[in-house]
Amino acid sequence: ITCPGVLLKDKQELYLNVFVLGQYGKTECVPAVFPLFFQERLVFEKEFANIVDPGDLVKLLEFDTAVLELIQLIPPVGKILATYEENTRDFLFPDPKLTHGRRGLEREILMKRSPSFT
């Protein structure tokens, strides 16, 4: 995660909280210095027992929301610095971009700064 020109005044570690397909996952903590590198994989599995038509699955994913939160471990419960929300279909299967790169391994998203993140 990059945030050009920003130095965090609080030095507590940060992590990503991810909510996808009705499941939560979070990364390990990293030092509070940009750029942040999360070198791990989060796995979310869900079985759609009553879905037989792929079009129905697409509709279901469009009504679900994927949420990512960048959280700093500031007591007592942590402080959300930035968030990203998108329907799960577009999050899991983004439109092709005109840039080169290894598809699926690198993604660029723009997180929204929290009002408390100055």
N, C-alpha and C. Protein backbone atom coordinates (compact mmCIF):
# COMPACT_ATOMS: atom_id res chain seq x y z
N ILE A 1 0.86 -1.17 0.00
CA ILE A 1 0.00 0.00 0.00
C ILE A 1 0.90 1.22 0.00
N THR A 2 0.62 2.11 -0.91
CA THR A 2 1.41 3.34 -0.97
C THR A 2 0.54 4.53 -0.54
N CYS A 3 1.20 5.54 -0.04
CA CYS A 3 0.55 6.79 0.35
C CYS A 3 1.64 7.86 0.26
N PRO A 4 1.95 8.29 -0.97
CA PRO A 4 3.09 9.19 -1.19
C PRO A 4 3.06 10.44 -0.33
N GLY A 5 4.19 10.73 0.30
CA GLY A 5 4.34 11.95 1.09
C GLY A 5 3.74 11.89 2.48
N VAL A 6 3.25 10.73 2.90
CA VAL A 6 2.60 10.63 4.21
C VAL A 6 3.49 9.90 5.20
N LEU A 7 3.67 10.50 6.36
CA LEU A 7 4.34 9.86 7.48
C LEU A 7 3.31 9.68 8.58
N LEU A 8 3.22 8.49 9.13
CA LEU A 8 2.26 8.24 10.19
C LEU A 8 2.82 8.74 11.51
N LYS A 9 2.04 9.59 12.20
CA LYS A 9 2.52 10.12 13.49
C LYS A 9 2.48 9.05 14.57
N ASP A 10 1.48 8.14 14.50
CA ASP A 10 1.43 7.02 15.43
C ASP A 10 2.26 5.89 14.86
N LYS A 11 3.06 5.25 15.68
CA LYS A 11 3.99 4.23 15.19
C LYS A 11 3.50 2.80 15.41
N GLN A 12 2.26 2.62 15.89
CA GLN A 12 1.74 1.27 16.07
C GLN A 12 1.57 0.61 14.71
N GLU A 13 1.65 -0.72 14.69
CA GLU A 13 1.57 -1.49 13.46
C GLU A 13 0.19 -1.41 12.81
N LEU A 14 0.14 -1.83 11.53
CA LEU A 14 -1.09 -1.80 10.75
C LEU A 14 -1.38 -3.18 10.19
N TYR A 15 -2.65 -3.39 9.84
CA TYR A 15 -3.05 -4.62 9.16
C TYR A 15 -4.24 -4.33 8.26
N LEU A 16 -4.53 -5.25 7.35
CA LEU A 16 -5.71 -5.16 6.51
C LEU A 16 -6.77 -6.10 7.04
N ASN A 17 -7.97 -5.60 7.20
CA ASN A 17 -9.13 -6.41 7.56
C ASN A 17 -9.95 -6.57 6.28
N VAL A 18 -10.29 -7.80 5.93
CA VAL A 18 -10.98 -8.08 4.67
C VAL A 18 -12.28 -8.82 4.96
N PHE A 19 -13.36 -8.36 4.37
CA PHE A 19 -14.67 -9.01 4.49
C PHE A 19 -15.16 -9.34 3.09
N VAL A 20 -15.23 -10.64 2.77
CA VAL A 20 -15.65 -11.10 1.45
C VAL A 20 -16.51 -12.35 1.63
N LEU A 21 -17.62 -12.42 0.90
CA LEU A 21 -18.50 -13.59 0.90
C LEU A 21 -18.98 -13.95 2.31
N GLY A 22 -19.22 -12.91 3.12
CA GLY A 22 -19.72 -13.14 4.47
C GLY A 22 -18.67 -13.65 5.44
N GLN A 23 -17.39 -13.55 5.08
CA GLN A 23 -16.32 -14.05 5.93
C GLN A 23 -15.28 -12.96 6.17
N TYR A 24 -14.72 -12.96 7.38
CA TYR A 24 -13.66 -12.02 7.73
C TYR A 24 -12.30 -12.69 7.66
N GLY A 25 -11.31 -11.92 7.29
CA GLY A 25 -9.93 -12.35 7.35
C GLY A 25 -9.08 -11.13 7.62
N LYS A 26 -7.91 -11.34 8.19
CA LYS A 26 -7.02 -10.20 8.40
C LYS A 26 -5.59 -10.64 8.19
N THR A 27 -4.78 -9.69 7.79
CA THR A 27 -3.38 -9.95 7.54
C THR A 27 -2.60 -9.88 8.84
N GLU A 28 -1.36 -10.30 8.76
CA GLU A 28 -0.43 -10.08 9.87
C GLU A 28 -0.12 -8.57 9.93
N CYS A 29 0.34 -8.12 11.06
CA CYS A 29 0.67 -6.70 11.22
C CYS A 29 2.00 -6.37 10.55
N VAL A 30 2.09 -5.14 10.06
CA VAL A 30 3.32 -4.64 9.45
C VAL A 30 3.69 -3.31 10.10
N PRO A 31 4.97 -2.92 10.04
CA PRO A 31 5.38 -1.65 10.62
C PRO A 31 4.67 -0.46 9.96
N ALA A 32 4.54 0.62 10.71
CA ALA A 32 3.81 1.81 10.26
C ALA A 32 4.69 2.72 9.41
N VAL A 33 5.20 2.21 8.31
CA VAL A 33 6.03 2.98 7.39
C VAL A 33 5.59 2.66 5.97
N PHE A 34 5.20 3.71 5.21
CA PHE A 34 4.82 3.51 3.82
C PHE A 34 6.06 3.36 2.96
N PRO A 35 6.02 2.53 1.93
CA PRO A 35 4.92 1.67 1.52
C PRO A 35 4.79 0.45 2.44
N LEU A 36 3.54 -0.01 2.59
CA LEU A 36 3.25 -1.19 3.41
C LEU A 36 3.25 -2.41 2.51
N PHE A 37 3.88 -3.48 2.97
CA PHE A 37 3.94 -4.71 2.18
C PHE A 37 3.28 -5.84 2.97
N PHE A 38 2.20 -6.38 2.41
CA PHE A 38 1.52 -7.53 2.99
C PHE A 38 1.85 -8.73 2.12
N GLN A 39 2.77 -9.56 2.57
CA GLN A 39 3.28 -10.68 1.79
C GLN A 39 2.58 -11.97 2.22
N GLU A 40 1.28 -12.03 2.04
CA GLU A 40 0.55 -13.23 2.43
C GLU A 40 -0.70 -13.37 1.58
N ARG A 41 -1.31 -14.52 1.70
CA ARG A 41 -2.50 -14.83 0.93
C ARG A 41 -3.65 -15.13 1.91
N LEU A 42 -4.78 -14.50 1.68
CA LEU A 42 -5.98 -14.80 2.45
C LEU A 42 -6.90 -15.63 1.56
N VAL A 43 -7.44 -16.70 2.09
CA VAL A 43 -8.30 -17.59 1.32
C VAL A 43 -9.71 -17.55 1.89
N PHE A 44 -10.68 -17.32 1.00
CA PHE A 44 -12.09 -17.31 1.37
C PHE A 44 -12.80 -18.34 0.50
N GLU A 45 -13.50 -19.25 1.12
CA GLU A 45 -14.23 -20.27 0.38
C GLU A 45 -15.70 -20.20 0.75
N LYS A 46 -16.54 -20.40 -0.26
CA LYS A 46 -17.98 -20.41 -0.03
C LYS A 46 -18.62 -21.35 -1.03
N GLU A 47 -19.54 -22.14 -0.56
CA GLU A 47 -20.28 -23.06 -1.42
C GLU A 47 -21.67 -22.47 -1.66
N PHE A 48 -22.05 -22.42 -2.91
CA PHE A 48 -23.37 -21.93 -3.30
C PHE A 48 -24.20 -23.14 -3.73
N ALA A 49 -24.80 -23.81 -2.76
CA ALA A 49 -25.47 -25.09 -2.98
C ALA A 49 -26.67 -25.01 -3.92
N ASN A 50 -27.41 -23.92 -3.89
CA ASN A 50 -28.65 -23.83 -4.66
C ASN A 50 -28.49 -23.09 -5.99
N ILE A 51 -27.27 -22.80 -6.39
CA ILE A 51 -27.03 -22.07 -7.63
C ILE A 51 -26.60 -23.06 -8.71
N VAL A 52 -27.35 -23.10 -9.81
CA VAL A 52 -26.97 -23.96 -10.94
C VAL A 52 -26.65 -23.16 -12.19
N ASP A 53 -27.19 -21.95 -12.27
CA ASP A 53 -26.97 -21.08 -13.43
C ASP A 53 -25.88 -20.06 -13.08
N PRO A 54 -24.79 -19.99 -13.87
CA PRO A 54 -23.74 -19.01 -13.59
C PRO A 54 -24.26 -17.57 -13.54
N GLY A 55 -25.29 -17.27 -14.31
CA GLY A 55 -25.88 -15.93 -14.29
C GLY A 55 -26.47 -15.60 -12.92
N ASP A 56 -27.03 -16.60 -12.26
CA ASP A 56 -27.57 -16.39 -10.92
C ASP A 56 -26.45 -16.10 -9.92
N LEU A 57 -25.31 -16.77 -10.11
CA LEU A 57 -24.16 -16.52 -9.24
C LEU A 57 -23.64 -15.10 -9.45
N VAL A 58 -23.59 -14.66 -10.69
CA VAL A 58 -23.14 -13.30 -10.98
C VAL A 58 -24.04 -12.29 -10.28
N LYS A 59 -25.35 -12.49 -10.37
CA LYS A 59 -26.29 -11.58 -9.70
C LYS A 59 -26.08 -11.58 -8.20
N LEU A 60 -25.88 -12.75 -7.62
CA LEU A 60 -25.66 -12.86 -6.19
C LEU A 60 -24.39 -12.10 -5.78
N LEU A 61 -23.32 -12.25 -6.55
CA LEU A 61 -22.07 -11.55 -6.24
C LEU A 61 -22.20 -10.04 -6.41
N GLU A 62 -23.06 -9.60 -7.33
CA GLU A 62 -23.26 -8.17 -7.52
C GLU A 62 -23.98 -7.53 -6.34
N PHE A 63 -24.77 -8.30 -5.61
CA PHE A 63 -25.49 -7.77 -4.45
C PHE A 63 -24.70 -7.91 -3.16
N ASP A 64 -23.58 -8.63 -3.19
CA ASP A 64 -22.71 -8.78 -2.03
C ASP A 64 -21.65 -7.69 -2.08
N THR A 65 -21.14 -7.27 -0.93
CA THR A 65 -20.13 -6.22 -0.89
C THR A 65 -18.84 -6.73 -0.28
N ALA A 66 -17.74 -6.46 -0.96
CA ALA A 66 -16.40 -6.76 -0.44
C ALA A 66 -15.87 -5.49 0.22
N VAL A 67 -15.31 -5.62 1.41
CA VAL A 67 -14.82 -4.47 2.17
C VAL A 67 -13.39 -4.74 2.61
N LEU A 68 -12.50 -3.78 2.38
CA LEU A 68 -11.13 -3.82 2.89
C LEU A 68 -10.94 -2.61 3.79
N GLU A 69 -10.30 -2.81 4.93
CA GLU A 69 -10.03 -1.71 5.86
C GLU A 69 -8.56 -1.75 6.25
N LEU A 70 -7.91 -0.61 6.19
CA LEU A 70 -6.55 -0.47 6.68
C LEU A 70 -6.67 0.03 8.12
N ILE A 71 -6.19 -0.78 9.07
CA ILE A 71 -6.39 -0.48 10.48
C ILE A 71 -5.04 -0.37 11.19
N GLN A 72 -4.91 0.67 12.02
CA GLN A 72 -3.72 0.83 12.84
C GLN A 72 -4.07 0.45 14.28
N LEU A 73 -3.19 -0.25 14.95
CA LEU A 73 -3.43 -0.77 16.29
C LEU A 73 -3.30 0.30 17.37
N ILE A 74 -4.13 1.32 17.29
CA ILE A 74 -4.13 2.37 18.30
C ILE A 74 -5.17 1.99 19.34
N PRO A 75 -4.74 1.85 20.62
CA PRO A 75 -5.70 1.44 21.66
C PRO A 75 -6.86 2.42 21.78
N PRO A 76 -8.04 1.98 22.18
CA PRO A 76 -8.32 0.65 22.73
C PRO A 76 -8.72 -0.38 21.68
N VAL A 77 -9.25 0.02 20.50
CA VAL A 77 -9.75 -0.98 19.55
C VAL A 77 -9.14 -0.88 18.16
N GLY A 78 -8.26 0.04 17.93
CA GLY A 78 -7.70 0.22 16.59
C GLY A 78 -8.39 1.37 15.88
N LYS A 79 -7.70 1.92 14.89
CA LYS A 79 -8.20 3.09 14.16
C LYS A 79 -8.20 2.77 12.67
N ILE A 80 -9.36 2.92 12.03
CA ILE A 80 -9.47 2.70 10.59
C ILE A 80 -8.91 3.92 9.87
N LEU A 81 -7.87 3.68 9.07
CA LEU A 81 -7.25 4.78 8.33
C LEU A 81 -7.86 4.95 6.94
N ALA A 82 -8.24 3.84 6.31
CA ALA A 82 -8.78 3.90 4.95
C ALA A 82 -9.64 2.67 4.69
N THR A 83 -10.61 2.83 3.77
CA THR A 83 -11.50 1.72 3.43
C THR A 83 -11.67 1.63 1.92
N TYR A 84 -12.10 0.46 1.50
CA TYR A 84 -12.42 0.22 0.10
C TYR A 84 -13.65 -0.69 0.09
N GLU A 85 -14.67 -0.31 -0.66
CA GLU A 85 -15.88 -1.12 -0.80
C GLU A 85 -16.24 -1.22 -2.27
N GLU A 86 -16.63 -2.44 -2.67
CA GLU A 86 -17.05 -2.67 -4.05
C GLU A 86 -17.90 -3.94 -4.06
N ASN A 87 -18.79 -4.05 -5.04
CA ASN A 87 -19.55 -5.30 -5.10
C ASN A 87 -18.57 -6.44 -5.35
N THR A 88 -18.89 -7.59 -4.78
CA THR A 88 -17.97 -8.72 -4.78
C THR A 88 -17.63 -9.20 -6.19
N ARG A 89 -18.58 -9.12 -7.11
CA ARG A 89 -18.30 -9.55 -8.49
C ARG A 89 -17.18 -8.72 -9.09
N ASP A 90 -17.29 -7.39 -9.01
CA ASP A 90 -16.26 -6.53 -9.59
C ASP A 90 -14.94 -6.63 -8.84
N PHE A 91 -15.00 -6.90 -7.53
CA PHE A 91 -13.77 -7.06 -6.76
C PHE A 91 -13.03 -8.34 -7.17
N LEU A 92 -13.77 -9.43 -7.30
CA LEU A 92 -13.14 -10.71 -7.65
C LEU A 92 -12.76 -10.80 -9.12
N PHE A 93 -13.55 -10.17 -9.98
CA PHE A 93 -13.33 -10.26 -11.43
C PHE A 93 -13.31 -8.86 -12.03
N PRO A 94 -12.22 -8.11 -11.79
CA PRO A 94 -12.16 -6.73 -12.30
C PRO A 94 -12.09 -6.70 -13.82
N ASP A 95 -12.56 -5.59 -14.38
CA ASP A 95 -12.46 -5.40 -15.82
C ASP A 95 -10.99 -5.40 -16.23
N PRO A 96 -10.70 -5.91 -17.43
CA PRO A 96 -9.30 -5.87 -17.90
C PRO A 96 -8.82 -4.43 -18.02
N LYS A 97 -7.57 -4.22 -17.68
CA LYS A 97 -6.96 -2.89 -17.79
C LYS A 97 -6.03 -2.87 -19.00
N LEU A 98 -5.67 -1.68 -19.40
CA LEU A 98 -4.79 -1.53 -20.56
C LEU A 98 -3.31 -1.60 -20.17
N THR A 99 -3.02 -1.91 -18.91
CA THR A 99 -1.63 -2.01 -18.48
C THR A 99 -1.16 -3.44 -18.58
N HIS A 100 0.14 -3.60 -18.73
CA HIS A 100 0.73 -4.93 -18.80
C HIS A 100 1.03 -5.41 -17.39
N GLY A 101 1.14 -6.67 -17.22
CA GLY A 101 1.46 -7.24 -15.92
C GLY A 101 0.90 -8.64 -15.83
N ARG A 102 1.24 -9.31 -14.78
CA ARG A 102 0.77 -10.67 -14.60
C ARG A 102 -0.65 -10.62 -14.04
N ARG A 103 -1.60 -10.96 -14.85
CA ARG A 103 -3.01 -10.87 -14.50
C ARG A 103 -3.30 -11.65 -13.22
N GLY A 104 -4.01 -10.99 -12.31
CA GLY A 104 -4.43 -11.64 -11.09
C GLY A 104 -3.44 -11.52 -9.94
N LEU A 105 -2.18 -11.23 -10.22
CA LEU A 105 -1.20 -11.14 -9.16
C LEU A 105 -1.06 -9.74 -8.60
N GLU A 106 -1.35 -8.75 -9.40
CA GLU A 106 -1.22 -7.37 -8.94
C GLU A 106 -2.51 -6.63 -9.24
N ARG A 107 -2.96 -5.87 -8.26
CA ARG A 107 -4.18 -5.08 -8.42
C ARG A 107 -3.94 -3.69 -7.89
N GLU A 108 -4.52 -2.71 -8.54
CA GLU A 108 -4.50 -1.36 -8.02
C GLU A 108 -5.92 -0.97 -7.67
N ILE A 109 -6.11 -0.57 -6.43
CA ILE A 109 -7.40 -0.05 -5.99
C ILE A 109 -7.13 1.25 -5.24
N LEU A 110 -8.11 2.10 -5.19
CA LEU A 110 -7.98 3.35 -4.48
C LEU A 110 -8.85 3.28 -3.23
N MET A 111 -8.20 3.32 -2.08
CA MET A 111 -8.94 3.29 -0.83
C MET A 111 -9.37 4.70 -0.47
N LYS A 112 -10.48 4.80 0.25
CA LYS A 112 -11.00 6.09 0.69
C LYS A 112 -10.47 6.40 2.08
N ARG A 113 -9.86 7.54 2.24
CA ARG A 113 -9.30 7.96 3.51
C ARG A 113 -10.41 8.16 4.54
N SER A 114 -10.17 7.66 5.73
CA SER A 114 -11.10 7.86 6.84
C SER A 114 -11.01 9.31 7.30
N PRO A 115 -12.11 9.91 7.75
CA PRO A 115 -12.06 11.30 8.24
C PRO A 115 -11.08 11.48 9.41
N SER A 116 -10.83 10.41 10.16
CA SER A 116 -9.91 10.52 11.31
C SER A 116 -8.44 10.40 10.90
N PHE A 117 -8.17 10.07 9.64
CA PHE A 117 -6.81 9.93 9.14
C PHE A 117 -6.40 11.25 8.53
N THR A 118 -5.63 12.03 9.29
CA THR A 118 -5.29 13.38 8.81
C THR A 118 -4.11 13.34 7.88
